[in-house]
Amino acid sequence: MIVPIAHAGHWLVNVLYVAPLLVVIGVLAWQSMKDRRRVKQSGEPIARRPPTEPPPA
C-alpha cells in the first residue's frame, strides 16, 4: 500500500526556510574538518590561549 504525502507543498516551503541554515552549518563543519586535517598533517601545535591569572584579592 502506498501512503500519499499530504500537502507536500507545505513541506517544501518549510524546507526553504531551513535550507540556508543547513548550508551554513555544512560550510562550518567542512571548514573545521579541513582545519583539523591541516593541523594534523603539518604537525604544528594547536594555538591555545594562555591561562588567565586570578584577580588580585
N, C-alpha and C. Protein backbone atom coordinates (compact mmCIF):
# COMPACT_ATOMS: atom_id res chain seq x y z
N MET A 1 0.85 -1.18 0.00
CA MET A 1 0.00 0.00 0.00
C MET A 1 0.89 1.24 0.00
N ILE A 2 0.60 2.18 -0.85
CA ILE A 2 1.36 3.42 -0.94
C ILE A 2 0.64 4.49 -0.13
N VAL A 3 1.38 5.15 0.75
CA VAL A 3 0.81 6.20 1.59
C VAL A 3 1.08 7.54 0.92
N PRO A 4 0.03 8.27 0.55
CA PRO A 4 0.26 9.58 -0.08
C PRO A 4 0.77 10.60 0.94
N ILE A 5 1.63 11.47 0.48
CA ILE A 5 2.13 12.54 1.35
C ILE A 5 1.24 13.75 1.14
N ALA A 6 0.48 14.07 2.13
CA ALA A 6 -0.46 15.18 2.02
C ALA A 6 0.26 16.51 2.16
N HIS A 7 -0.11 17.44 1.37
CA HIS A 7 0.38 18.81 1.44
C HIS A 7 1.90 18.89 1.29
N ALA A 8 2.42 18.25 0.27
CA ALA A 8 3.86 18.28 0.04
C ALA A 8 4.34 19.71 -0.19
N GLY A 9 3.50 20.55 -0.75
CA GLY A 9 3.87 21.95 -0.97
C GLY A 9 4.15 22.68 0.32
N HIS A 10 3.44 22.36 1.36
CA HIS A 10 3.67 22.99 2.66
C HIS A 10 5.03 22.57 3.21
N TRP A 11 5.39 21.30 3.02
CA TRP A 11 6.70 20.82 3.47
C TRP A 11 7.82 21.52 2.71
N LEU A 12 7.63 21.69 1.41
CA LEU A 12 8.66 22.35 0.61
C LEU A 12 8.91 23.78 1.06
N VAL A 13 7.85 24.49 1.41
CA VAL A 13 8.01 25.87 1.89
C VAL A 13 8.80 25.88 3.18
N ASN A 14 8.53 24.96 4.09
CA ASN A 14 9.26 24.89 5.35
C ASN A 14 10.72 24.52 5.12
N VAL A 15 10.99 23.64 4.18
CA VAL A 15 12.36 23.25 3.87
C VAL A 15 13.13 24.46 3.35
N LEU A 16 12.49 25.32 2.58
CA LEU A 16 13.16 26.51 2.06
C LEU A 16 13.62 27.43 3.20
N TYR A 17 12.91 27.47 4.29
CA TYR A 17 13.32 28.27 5.43
C TYR A 17 14.53 27.65 6.15
N VAL A 18 14.62 26.33 6.17
CA VAL A 18 15.67 25.64 6.90
C VAL A 18 16.93 25.46 6.04
N ALA A 19 16.79 25.46 4.72
CA ALA A 19 17.91 25.18 3.82
C ALA A 19 19.11 26.10 4.04
N PRO A 20 18.94 27.43 4.15
CA PRO A 20 20.12 28.28 4.36
C PRO A 20 20.85 27.95 5.66
N LEU A 21 20.13 27.60 6.69
CA LEU A 21 20.75 27.23 7.96
C LEU A 21 21.58 25.96 7.79
N LEU A 22 21.04 24.99 7.07
CA LEU A 22 21.77 23.75 6.84
C LEU A 22 23.02 23.99 6.00
N VAL A 23 22.95 24.91 5.05
CA VAL A 23 24.12 25.24 4.24
C VAL A 23 25.21 25.86 5.11
N VAL A 24 24.84 26.80 5.98
CA VAL A 24 25.83 27.45 6.85
C VAL A 24 26.46 26.42 7.78
N ILE A 25 25.66 25.55 8.38
CA ILE A 25 26.19 24.53 9.27
C ILE A 25 27.13 23.59 8.50
N GLY A 26 26.76 23.24 7.28
CA GLY A 26 27.60 22.38 6.46
C GLY A 26 28.93 23.03 6.12
N VAL A 27 28.91 24.31 5.78
CA VAL A 27 30.15 25.02 5.45
C VAL A 27 31.06 25.11 6.68
N LEU A 28 30.50 25.41 7.83
CA LEU A 28 31.29 25.48 9.05
C LEU A 28 31.90 24.13 9.42
N ALA A 29 31.13 23.07 9.26
CA ALA A 29 31.64 21.72 9.55
C ALA A 29 32.76 21.36 8.58
N TRP A 30 32.58 21.67 7.29
CA TRP A 30 33.60 21.37 6.29
C TRP A 30 34.90 22.12 6.60
N GLN A 31 34.79 23.41 6.95
CA GLN A 31 35.97 24.20 7.26
C GLN A 31 36.68 23.66 8.51
N SER A 32 35.92 23.25 9.49
CA SER A 32 36.50 22.69 10.71
C SER A 32 37.27 21.41 10.40
N MET A 33 36.69 20.56 9.55
CA MET A 33 37.37 19.31 9.18
C MET A 33 38.65 19.62 8.41
N LYS A 34 38.61 20.58 7.51
CA LYS A 34 39.80 20.94 6.75
C LYS A 34 40.90 21.48 7.67
N ASP A 35 40.52 22.32 8.64
CA ASP A 35 41.50 22.88 9.57
C ASP A 35 42.14 21.78 10.42
N ARG A 36 41.33 20.86 10.92
CA ARG A 36 41.87 19.76 11.73
C ARG A 36 42.82 18.90 10.92
N ARG A 37 42.45 18.62 9.67
CA ARG A 37 43.30 17.80 8.81
C ARG A 37 44.63 18.52 8.53
N ARG A 38 44.57 19.84 8.31
CA ARG A 38 45.77 20.62 8.03
C ARG A 38 46.71 20.61 9.23
N VAL A 39 46.17 20.81 10.43
CA VAL A 39 46.99 20.81 11.64
C VAL A 39 47.58 19.43 11.87
N LYS A 40 46.79 18.39 11.65
CA LYS A 40 47.27 17.03 11.87
C LYS A 40 48.40 16.68 10.90
N GLN A 41 48.28 17.09 9.64
CA GLN A 41 49.31 16.78 8.64
C GLN A 41 50.56 17.61 8.82
N SER A 42 50.42 18.87 9.25
CA SER A 42 51.58 19.74 9.36
C SER A 42 52.35 19.50 10.66
N GLY A 43 51.68 18.99 11.68
CA GLY A 43 52.34 18.74 12.94
C GLY A 43 52.53 19.99 13.78
N GLU A 44 51.98 21.11 13.35
CA GLU A 44 52.12 22.34 14.13
C GLU A 44 51.23 22.27 15.36
N PRO A 45 51.66 22.88 16.45
CA PRO A 45 50.83 22.82 17.67
C PRO A 45 49.55 23.63 17.50
N ILE A 46 48.55 23.22 18.23
CA ILE A 46 47.28 23.92 18.20
C ILE A 46 47.41 25.19 19.04
N ALA A 47 47.00 26.32 18.46
CA ALA A 47 47.10 27.59 19.18
C ALA A 47 46.03 27.63 20.28
N ARG A 48 46.48 27.88 21.48
CA ARG A 48 45.55 27.98 22.61
C ARG A 48 45.85 29.26 23.37
N ARG A 49 44.83 29.76 24.03
CA ARG A 49 45.02 30.97 24.83
C ARG A 49 45.80 30.63 26.09
N PRO A 50 46.67 31.55 26.51
CA PRO A 50 47.39 31.29 27.76
C PRO A 50 46.43 31.35 28.94
N PRO A 51 46.74 30.64 30.01
CA PRO A 51 45.86 30.68 31.18
C PRO A 51 45.80 32.10 31.77
N THR A 52 44.65 32.46 32.24
CA THR A 52 44.48 33.79 32.83
C THR A 52 44.88 33.75 34.30
N GLU A 53 45.40 34.87 34.76
CA GLU A 53 45.78 34.97 36.17
C GLU A 53 44.54 35.31 36.99
N PRO A 54 44.43 34.78 38.19
CA PRO A 54 43.27 35.14 39.03
C PRO A 54 43.35 36.62 39.42
N PRO A 55 42.20 37.25 39.60
CA PRO A 55 42.19 38.66 40.00
C PRO A 55 42.81 38.83 41.39
N PRO A 56 43.45 39.97 41.61
CA PRO A 56 44.05 40.20 42.95
C PRO A 56 42.96 40.25 44.01
N ALA A 57 43.27 39.74 45.18
CA ALA A 57 42.28 39.66 46.27
C ALA A 57 42.17 40.98 47.00
